[in-house]
């Protein structure tokens, strides 16, 4: 792997980390909203937010797996 390839992989890794941080922030906001809605018993909105949380968690897990693969590539250099 040459320097250019390594630099591009490092950029991808940094982008993945940034997206993971953002998804974690979104996850926390959704969870707070779900808790607020549970207290006020808006069940339809709660179900919608729980679905969003599930989708967000899938994206988060996918990015974490991708991050691990990129870490492995960087270590091989």
PDB file of N, CA and C in Angstrom:
ATOM      1  N   UNK A   1       0.854  -1.168   0.000  1.00  0.00           N
ATOM      2  CA  UNK A   1       0.000   0.000   0.000  1.00  0.00           C
ATOM      3  C   UNK A   1       0.905   1.237   0.000  1.00  0.00           C
ATOM      4  N   UNK A   2       0.674   2.116  -0.964  1.00  0.00           N
ATOM      5  CA  UNK A   2       1.492   3.320  -1.017  1.00  0.00           C
ATOM      6  C   UNK A   2       0.913   4.408  -0.107  1.00  0.00           C
ATOM      7  N   UNK A   3       1.639   5.523  -0.024  1.00  0.00           N
ATOM      8  CA  UNK A   3       1.243   6.619   0.869  1.00  0.00           C
ATOM      9  C   UNK A   3      -0.127   7.184   0.493  1.00  0.00           C
ATOM     10  N   UNK A   4      -0.401   7.313  -0.798  1.00  0.00           N
ATOM     11  CA  UNK A   4      -1.687   7.850  -1.262  1.00  0.00           C
ATOM     12  C   UNK A   4      -2.840   6.949  -0.819  1.00  0.00           C
ATOM     13  N   UNK A   5      -2.683   5.643  -1.005  1.00  0.00           N
ATOM     14  CA  UNK A   5      -3.727   4.705  -0.601  1.00  0.00           C
ATOM     15  C   UNK A   5      -3.952   4.750   0.904  1.00  0.00           C
ATOM     16  N   UNK A   6      -2.837   4.793   1.645  1.00  0.00           N
ATOM     17  CA  UNK A   6      -2.940   4.859   3.100  1.00  0.00           C
ATOM     18  C   UNK A   6      -3.683   6.121   3.526  1.00  0.00           C
ATOM     19  N   UNK A   7      -3.363   7.251   2.902  1.00  0.00           N
ATOM     20  CA  UNK A   7      -4.014   8.522   3.229  1.00  0.00           C
ATOM     21  C   UNK A   7      -5.515   8.450   2.951  1.00  0.00           C
ATOM     22  N   UNK A   8      -5.902   7.857   1.827  1.00  0.00           N
ATOM     23  CA  UNK A   8      -7.323   7.728   1.484  1.00  0.00           C
ATOM     24  C   UNK A   8      -8.049   6.828   2.492  1.00  0.00           C
ATOM     25  N   UNK A   9      -7.418   5.740   2.881  1.00  0.00           N
ATOM     26  CA  UNK A   9      -8.020   4.839   3.862  1.00  0.00           C
ATOM     27  C   UNK A   9      -8.170   5.555   5.203  1.00  0.00           C
ATOM     28  N   UNK A  10      -7.173   6.351   5.561  1.00  0.00           N
ATOM     29  CA  UNK A  10      -7.254   7.114   6.810  1.00  0.00           C
ATOM     30  C   UNK A  10      -8.413   8.109   6.755  1.00  0.00           C
ATOM     31  N   UNK A  11      -8.631   8.746   5.604  1.00  0.00           N
ATOM     32  CA  UNK A  11      -9.762   9.666   5.441  1.00  0.00           C
ATOM     33  C   UNK A  11     -11.091   8.927   5.609  1.00  0.00           C
ATOM     34  N   UNK A  12     -11.178   7.735   5.044  1.00  0.00           N
ATOM     35  CA  UNK A  12     -12.396   6.923   5.178  1.00  0.00           C
ATOM     36  C   UNK A  12     -12.627   6.576   6.646  1.00  0.00           C
ATOM     37  N   UNK A  13     -11.571   6.185   7.322  1.00  0.00           N
ATOM     38  CA  UNK A  13     -11.669   5.839   8.738  1.00  0.00           C
ATOM     39  C   UNK A  13     -12.171   7.030   9.553  1.00  0.00           C
ATOM     40  N   UNK A  14     -11.609   8.207   9.296  1.00  0.00           N
ATOM     41  CA  UNK A  14     -12.029   9.414  10.007  1.00  0.00           C
ATOM     42  C   UNK A  14     -13.496   9.733   9.743  1.00  0.00           C
ATOM     43  N   UNK A  15     -13.930   9.551   8.510  1.00  0.00           N
ATOM     44  CA  UNK A  15     -15.326   9.789   8.154  1.00  0.00           C
ATOM     45  C   UNK A  15     -16.255   8.802   8.873  1.00  0.00           C
ATOM     46  N   UNK A  16     -15.835   7.561   8.945  1.00  0.00           N
ATOM     47  CA  UNK A  16     -16.620   6.546   9.662  1.00  0.00           C
ATOM     48  C   UNK A  16     -16.756   6.935  11.131  1.00  0.00           C
ATOM     49  N   UNK A  17     -15.640   7.335  11.751  1.00  0.00           N
ATOM     50  CA  UNK A  17     -15.685   7.741  13.157  1.00  0.00           C
ATOM     51  C   UNK A  17     -16.646   8.903  13.371  1.00  0.00           C
ATOM     52  N   UNK A  18     -16.600   9.878  12.477  1.00  0.00           N
ATOM     53  CA  UNK A  18     -17.485  11.044  12.579  1.00  0.00           C
ATOM     54  C   UNK A  18     -18.947  10.610  12.483  1.00  0.00           C
ATOM     55  N   UNK A  19     -19.251   9.712  11.558  1.00  0.00           N
ATOM     56  CA  UNK A  19     -20.622   9.232  11.396  1.00  0.00           C
ATOM     57  C   UNK A  19     -21.088   8.430  12.609  1.00  0.00           C
ATOM     58  N   UNK A  20     -20.193   7.663  13.196  1.00  0.00           N
ATOM     59  CA  UNK A  20     -20.539   6.912  14.406  1.00  0.00           C
ATOM     60  C   UNK A  20     -20.895   7.879  15.530  1.00  0.00           C
ATOM     61  N   UNK A  21     -20.095   8.928  15.689  1.00  0.00           N
ATOM     62  CA  UNK A  21     -20.385   9.924  16.722  1.00  0.00           C
ATOM     63  C   UNK A  21     -21.739  10.577  16.490  1.00  0.00           C
ATOM     64  N   UNK A  22     -22.021  10.940  15.240  1.00  0.00           N
ATOM     65  CA  UNK A  22     -23.296  11.579  14.919  1.00  0.00           C
ATOM     66  C   UNK A  22     -24.471  10.636  15.154  1.00  0.00           C
ATOM     67  N   UNK A  23     -24.318   9.370  14.776  1.00  0.00           N
ATOM     68  CA  UNK A  23     -25.396   8.401  15.000  1.00  0.00           C
ATOM     69  C   UNK A  23     -25.635   8.166  16.492  1.00  0.00           C
ATOM     70  N   UNK A  24     -24.580   8.204  17.277  1.00  0.00           N
ATOM     71  CA  UNK A  24     -24.752   8.070  18.726  1.00  0.00           C
ATOM     72  C   UNK A  24     -25.522   9.255  19.297  1.00  0.00           C
ATOM     73  N   UNK A  25     -25.242  10.455  18.790  1.00  0.00           N
ATOM     74  CA  UNK A  25     -25.994  11.636  19.226  1.00  0.00           C
ATOM     75  C   UNK A  25     -27.469  11.506  18.859  1.00  0.00           C
ATOM     76  N   UNK A  26     -27.734  11.067  17.625  1.00  0.00           N
ATOM     77  CA  UNK A  26     -29.116  10.870  17.179  1.00  0.00           C
ATOM     78  C   UNK A  26     -29.797   9.822  18.053  1.00  0.00           C
ATOM     79  N   UNK A  27     -29.084   8.755  18.335  1.00  0.00           N
ATOM     80  CA  UNK A  27     -29.635   7.679  19.165  1.00  0.00           C
ATOM     81  C   UNK A  27     -30.053   8.208  20.533  1.00  0.00           C
ATOM     82  N   UNK A  28     -29.193   9.007  21.133  1.00  0.00           N
ATOM     83  CA  UNK A  28     -29.504   9.559  22.452  1.00  0.00           C
ATOM     84  C   UNK A  28     -30.715  10.484  22.404  1.00  0.00           C
ATOM     85  N   UNK A  29     -30.815  11.286  21.355  1.00  0.00           N
ATOM     86  CA  UNK A  29     -31.972  12.182  21.215  1.00  0.00           C
ATOM     87  C   UNK A  29     -33.264  11.389  21.049  1.00  0.00           C
ATOM     88  N   UNK A  30     -33.208  10.353  20.227  1.00  0.00           N
ATOM     89  CA  UNK A  30     -34.400   9.525  20.011  1.00  0.00           C
ATOM     90  C   UNK A  30     -34.820   8.857  21.319  1.00  0.00           C
ATOM     91  N   UNK A  31     -33.846   8.321  22.055  1.00  0.00           N
ATOM     92  CA  UNK A  31     -34.173   7.653  23.320  1.00  0.00           C
ATOM     93  C   UNK A  31     -34.802   8.624  24.313  1.00  0.00           C
ATOM     94  N   UNK A  32     -34.279   9.852  24.367  1.00  0.00           N
ATOM     95  CA  UNK A  32     -34.879  10.856  25.253  1.00  0.00           C
ATOM     96  C   UNK A  32     -36.314  11.153  24.838  1.00  0.00           C
ATOM     97  N   UNK A  33     -36.529  11.277  23.534  1.00  0.00           N
ATOM     98  CA  UNK A  33     -37.883  11.554  23.033  1.00  0.00           C
ATOM     99  C   UNK A  33     -38.831  10.407  23.347  1.00  0.00           C
ATOM    100  N   UNK A  34     -38.351   9.187  23.178  1.00  0.00           N
ATOM    101  CA  UNK A  34     -39.182   8.015  23.494  1.00  0.00           C
ATOM    102  C   UNK A  34     -39.570   8.041  24.971  1.00  0.00           C
ATOM    103  N   UNK A  35     -38.607   8.313  25.826  1.00  0.00           N
ATOM    104  CA  UNK A  35     -38.900   8.358  27.264  1.00  0.00           C
ATOM    105  C   UNK A  35     -39.896   9.463  27.591  1.00  0.00           C
ATOM    106  N   UNK A  36     -39.731  10.620  26.969  1.00  0.00           N
ATOM    107  CA  UNK A  36     -40.677  11.722  27.188  1.00  0.00           C
ATOM    108  C   UNK A  36     -42.077  11.337  26.729  1.00  0.00           C
ATOM    109  N   UNK A  37     -42.162  10.686  25.563  1.00  0.00           N
ATOM    110  CA  UNK A  37     -43.471  10.307  25.028  1.00  0.00           C
ATOM    111  C   UNK A  37     -44.120   9.193  25.838  1.00  0.00           C
ATOM    112  N   UNK A  38     -43.317   8.297  26.365  1.00  0.00           N
ATOM    113  CA  UNK A  38     -43.881   7.220  27.198  1.00  0.00           C
ATOM    114  C   UNK A  38     -44.566   7.812  28.424  1.00  0.00           C
ATOM    115  N   UNK A  39     -43.955   8.854  28.955  1.00  0.00           N
ATOM    116  CA  UNK A  39     -44.546   9.497  30.131  1.00  0.00           C
ATOM    117  C   UNK A  39     -45.864  10.180  29.793  1.00  0.00           C
ATOM    118  N   UNK A  40     -46.013  10.628  28.558  1.00  0.00           N
ATOM    119  CA  UNK A  40     -47.251  11.312  28.170  1.00  0.00           C
ATOM    120  C   UNK A  40     -48.181  10.411  27.354  1.00  0.00           C
ATOM    121  N   UNK A  41     -47.759   9.168  27.109  1.00  0.00           N
ATOM    122  CA  UNK A  41     -48.583   8.138  26.473  1.00  0.00           C
ATOM    123  C   UNK A  41     -49.024   8.449  25.040  1.00  0.00           C
ATOM    124  N   UNK A  42     -48.128   8.942  24.226  1.00  0.00           N
ATOM    125  CA  UNK A  42     -48.393   9.099  22.790  1.00  0.00           C
ATOM    126  C   UNK A  42     -47.876   7.849  22.093  1.00  0.00           C
ATOM    127  N   UNK A  43     -48.663   6.815  22.078  1.00  0.00           N
ATOM    128  CA  UNK A  43     -48.181   5.502  21.638  1.00  0.00           C
ATOM    129  C   UNK A  43     -47.805   5.451  20.159  1.00  0.00           C
ATOM    130  N   UNK A  44     -48.533   6.112  19.276  1.00  0.00           N
ATOM    131  CA  UNK A  44     -48.203   6.062  17.843  1.00  0.00           C
ATOM    132  C   UNK A  44     -46.853   6.715  17.588  1.00  0.00           C
ATOM    133  N   UNK A  45     -46.615   7.856  18.199  1.00  0.00           N
ATOM    134  CA  UNK A  45     -45.342   8.556  18.021  1.00  0.00           C
ATOM    135  C   UNK A  45     -44.209   7.756  18.655  1.00  0.00           C
ATOM    136  N   UNK A  46     -44.478   7.129  19.773  1.00  0.00           N
ATOM    137  CA  UNK A  46     -43.463   6.309  20.434  1.00  0.00           C
ATOM    138  C   UNK A  46     -43.043   5.153  19.533  1.00  0.00           C
ATOM    139  N   UNK A  47     -44.000   4.494  18.910  1.00  0.00           N
ATOM    140  CA  UNK A  47     -43.680   3.384  18.004  1.00  0.00           C
ATOM    141  C   UNK A  47     -42.850   3.864  16.823  1.00  0.00           C
ATOM    142  N   UNK A  48     -43.185   5.035  16.303  1.00  0.00           N
ATOM    143  CA  UNK A  48     -42.422   5.592  15.180  1.00  0.00           C
ATOM    144  C   UNK A  48     -40.981   5.875  15.599  1.00  0.00           C
ATOM    145  N   UNK A  49     -40.809   6.449  16.783  1.00  0.00           N
ATOM    146  CA  UNK A  49     -39.462   6.737  17.274  1.00  0.00           C
ATOM    147  C   UNK A  49     -38.690   5.458  17.584  1.00  0.00           C
ATOM    148  N   UNK A  50     -39.368   4.450  18.092  1.00  0.00           N
ATOM    149  CA  UNK A  50     -38.696   3.173  18.342  1.00  0.00           C
ATOM    150  C   UNK A  50     -38.222   2.549  17.039  1.00  0.00           C
ATOM    151  N   UNK A  51     -38.991   2.714  15.982  1.00  0.00           N
ATOM    152  CA  UNK A  51     -38.584   2.223  14.671  1.00  0.00           C
ATOM    153  C   UNK A  51     -37.358   2.988  14.170  1.00  0.00           C
ATOM    154  N   UNK A  52     -37.368   4.305  14.360  1.00  0.00           N
ATOM    155  CA  UNK A  52     -36.204   5.113  13.975  1.00  0.00           C
ATOM    156  C   UNK A  52     -34.970   4.708  14.772  1.00  0.00           C
ATOM    157  N   UNK A  53     -35.166   4.438  16.045  1.00  0.00           N
ATOM    158  CA  UNK A  53     -34.058   4.006  16.894  1.00  0.00           C
ATOM    159  C   UNK A  53     -33.485   2.689  16.387  1.00  0.00           C
ATOM    160  N   UNK A  54     -34.342   1.761  16.027  1.00  0.00           N
ATOM    161  CA  UNK A  54     -33.898   0.474  15.495  1.00  0.00           C
ATOM    162  C   UNK A  54     -33.090   0.674  14.204  1.00  0.00           C
ATOM    163  N   UNK A  55     -33.603   1.492  13.293  1.00  0.00           N
ATOM    164  CA  UNK A  55     -32.886   1.776  12.044  1.00  0.00           C
ATOM    165  C   UNK A  55     -31.542   2.425  12.327  1.00  0.00           C
ATOM    166  N   UNK A  56     -31.532   3.363  13.262  1.00  0.00           N
ATOM    167  CA  UNK A  56     -30.298   4.048  13.629  1.00  0.00           C
ATOM    168  C   UNK A  56     -29.282   3.057  14.195  1.00  0.00           C
ATOM    169  N   UNK A  57     -29.749   2.141  15.049  1.00  0.00           N
ATOM    170  CA  UNK A  57     -28.851   1.151  15.643  1.00  0.00           C
ATOM    171  C   UNK A  57     -28.246   0.232  14.584  1.00  0.00           C
ATOM    172  N   UNK A  58     -29.027  -0.126  13.575  1.00  0.00           N
ATOM    173  CA  UNK A  58     -28.501  -0.958  12.488  1.00  0.00           C
ATOM    174  C   UNK A  58     -27.400  -0.209  11.745  1.00  0.00           C
ATOM    175  N   UNK A  59     -27.636   1.061  11.441  1.00  0.00           N
ATOM    176  CA  UNK A  59     -26.611   1.870  10.762  1.00  0.00           C
ATOM    177  C   UNK A  59     -25.366   1.985  11.627  1.00  0.00           C
ATOM    178  N   UNK A  60     -25.562   2.196  12.904  1.00  0.00           N
ATOM    179  CA  UNK A  60     -24.448   2.329  13.829  1.00  0.00           C
ATOM    180  C   UNK A  60     -23.620   1.048  13.880  1.00  0.00           C
ATOM    181  N   UNK A  61     -24.278  -0.096  13.996  1.00  0.00           N
ATOM    182  CA  UNK A  61     -23.555  -1.372  14.031  1.00  0.00           C
ATOM    183  C   UNK A  61     -22.805  -1.620  12.721  1.00  0.00           C
ATOM    184  N   UNK A  62     -23.422  -1.268  11.600  1.00  0.00           N
ATOM    185  CA  UNK A  62     -22.775  -1.439  10.300  1.00  0.00           C
ATOM    186  C   UNK A  62     -21.513  -0.593  10.216  1.00  0.00           C
ATOM    187  N   UNK A  63     -21.601   0.658  10.665  1.00  0.00           N
ATOM    188  CA  UNK A  63     -20.431   1.532  10.634  1.00  0.00           C
ATOM    189  C   UNK A  63     -19.335   1.042  11.574  1.00  0.00           C
ATOM    190  N   UNK A  64     -19.712   0.519  12.713  1.00  0.00           N
ATOM    191  CA  UNK A  64     -18.712  -0.003  13.643  1.00  0.00           C
ATOM    192  C   UNK A  64     -17.989  -1.201  13.029  1.00  0.00           C
ATOM    193  N   UNK A  65     -18.725  -2.077  12.360  1.00  0.00           N
ATOM    194  CA  UNK A  65     -18.087  -3.211  11.678  1.00  0.00           C
ATOM    195  C   UNK A  65     -17.160  -2.729  10.567  1.00  0.00           C
ATOM    196  N   UNK A  66     -17.612  -1.742   9.804  1.00  0.00           N
ATOM    197  CA  UNK A  66     -16.784  -1.176   8.742  1.00  0.00           C
ATOM    198  C   UNK A  66     -15.535  -0.527   9.323  1.00  0.00           C
ATOM    199  N   UNK A  67     -15.693   0.155  10.443  1.00  0.00           N
ATOM    200  CA  UNK A  67     -14.558   0.780  11.114  1.00  0.00           C
ATOM    201  C   UNK A  67     -13.516  -0.266  11.497  1.00  0.00           C
ATOM    202  N   UNK A  68     -13.957  -1.398  12.013  1.00  0.00           N
ATOM    203  CA  UNK A  68     -13.031  -2.465  12.395  1.00  0.00           C
ATOM    204  C   UNK A  68     -12.272  -3.011  11.179  1.00  0.00           C
ATOM    205  N   UNK A  69     -12.961  -3.153  10.051  1.00  0.00           N
ATOM    206  CA  UNK A  69     -12.297  -3.629   8.837  1.00  0.00           C
ATOM    207  C   UNK A  69     -11.242  -2.633   8.370  1.00  0.00           C
ATOM    208  N   UNK A  70     -11.575  -1.337   8.424  1.00  0.00           N
ATOM    209  CA  UNK A  70     -10.622  -0.309   8.002  1.00  0.00           C
ATOM    210  C   UNK A  70      -9.433  -0.287   8.956  1.00  0.00           C
ATOM    211  N   UNK A  71      -9.670  -0.451  10.253  1.00  0.00           N
ATOM    212  CA  UNK A  71      -8.568  -0.522  11.219  1.00  0.00           C
ATOM    213  C   UNK A  71      -7.621  -1.660  10.850  1.00  0.00           C
ATOM    214  N   UNK A  72      -8.194  -2.807  10.462  1.00  0.00           N
ATOM    215  CA  UNK A  72      -7.382  -3.952  10.059  1.00  0.00           C
ATOM    216  C   UNK A  72      -6.530  -3.647   8.845  1.00  0.00           C
ATOM    217  N   UNK A  73      -7.097  -2.937   7.878  1.00  0.00           N
ATOM    218  CA  UNK A  73      -6.342  -2.560   6.677  1.00  0.00           C
ATOM    219  C   UNK A  73      -5.212  -1.616   7.047  1.00  0.00           C
ATOM    220  N   UNK A  74      -5.491  -0.655   7.921  1.00  0.00           N
ATOM    221  CA  UNK A  74      -4.465   0.310   8.327  1.00  0.00           C
ATOM    222  C   UNK A  74      -3.337  -0.408   9.061  1.00  0.00           C
ATOM    223  N   UNK A  75      -3.667  -1.374   9.911  1.00  0.00           N
ATOM    224  CA  UNK A  75      -2.639  -2.121  10.645  1.00  0.00           C
ATOM    225  C   UNK A  75      -1.737  -2.923   9.716  1.00  0.00           C
ATOM    226  N   UNK A  76      -2.278  -3.358   8.574  1.00  0.00           N
ATOM    227  CA  UNK A  76      -1.491  -4.152   7.631  1.00  0.00           C
ATOM    228  C   UNK A  76      -0.409  -3.327   6.953  1.00  0.00           C
ATOM    229  N   UNK A  77      -0.564  -2.024   6.934  1.00  0.00           N
ATOM    230  CA  UNK A  77       0.405  -1.163   6.251  1.00  0.00           C
ATOM    231  C   UNK A  77       1.743  -1.202   6.883  1.00  0.00           C
TER     232      UNK A  77
END
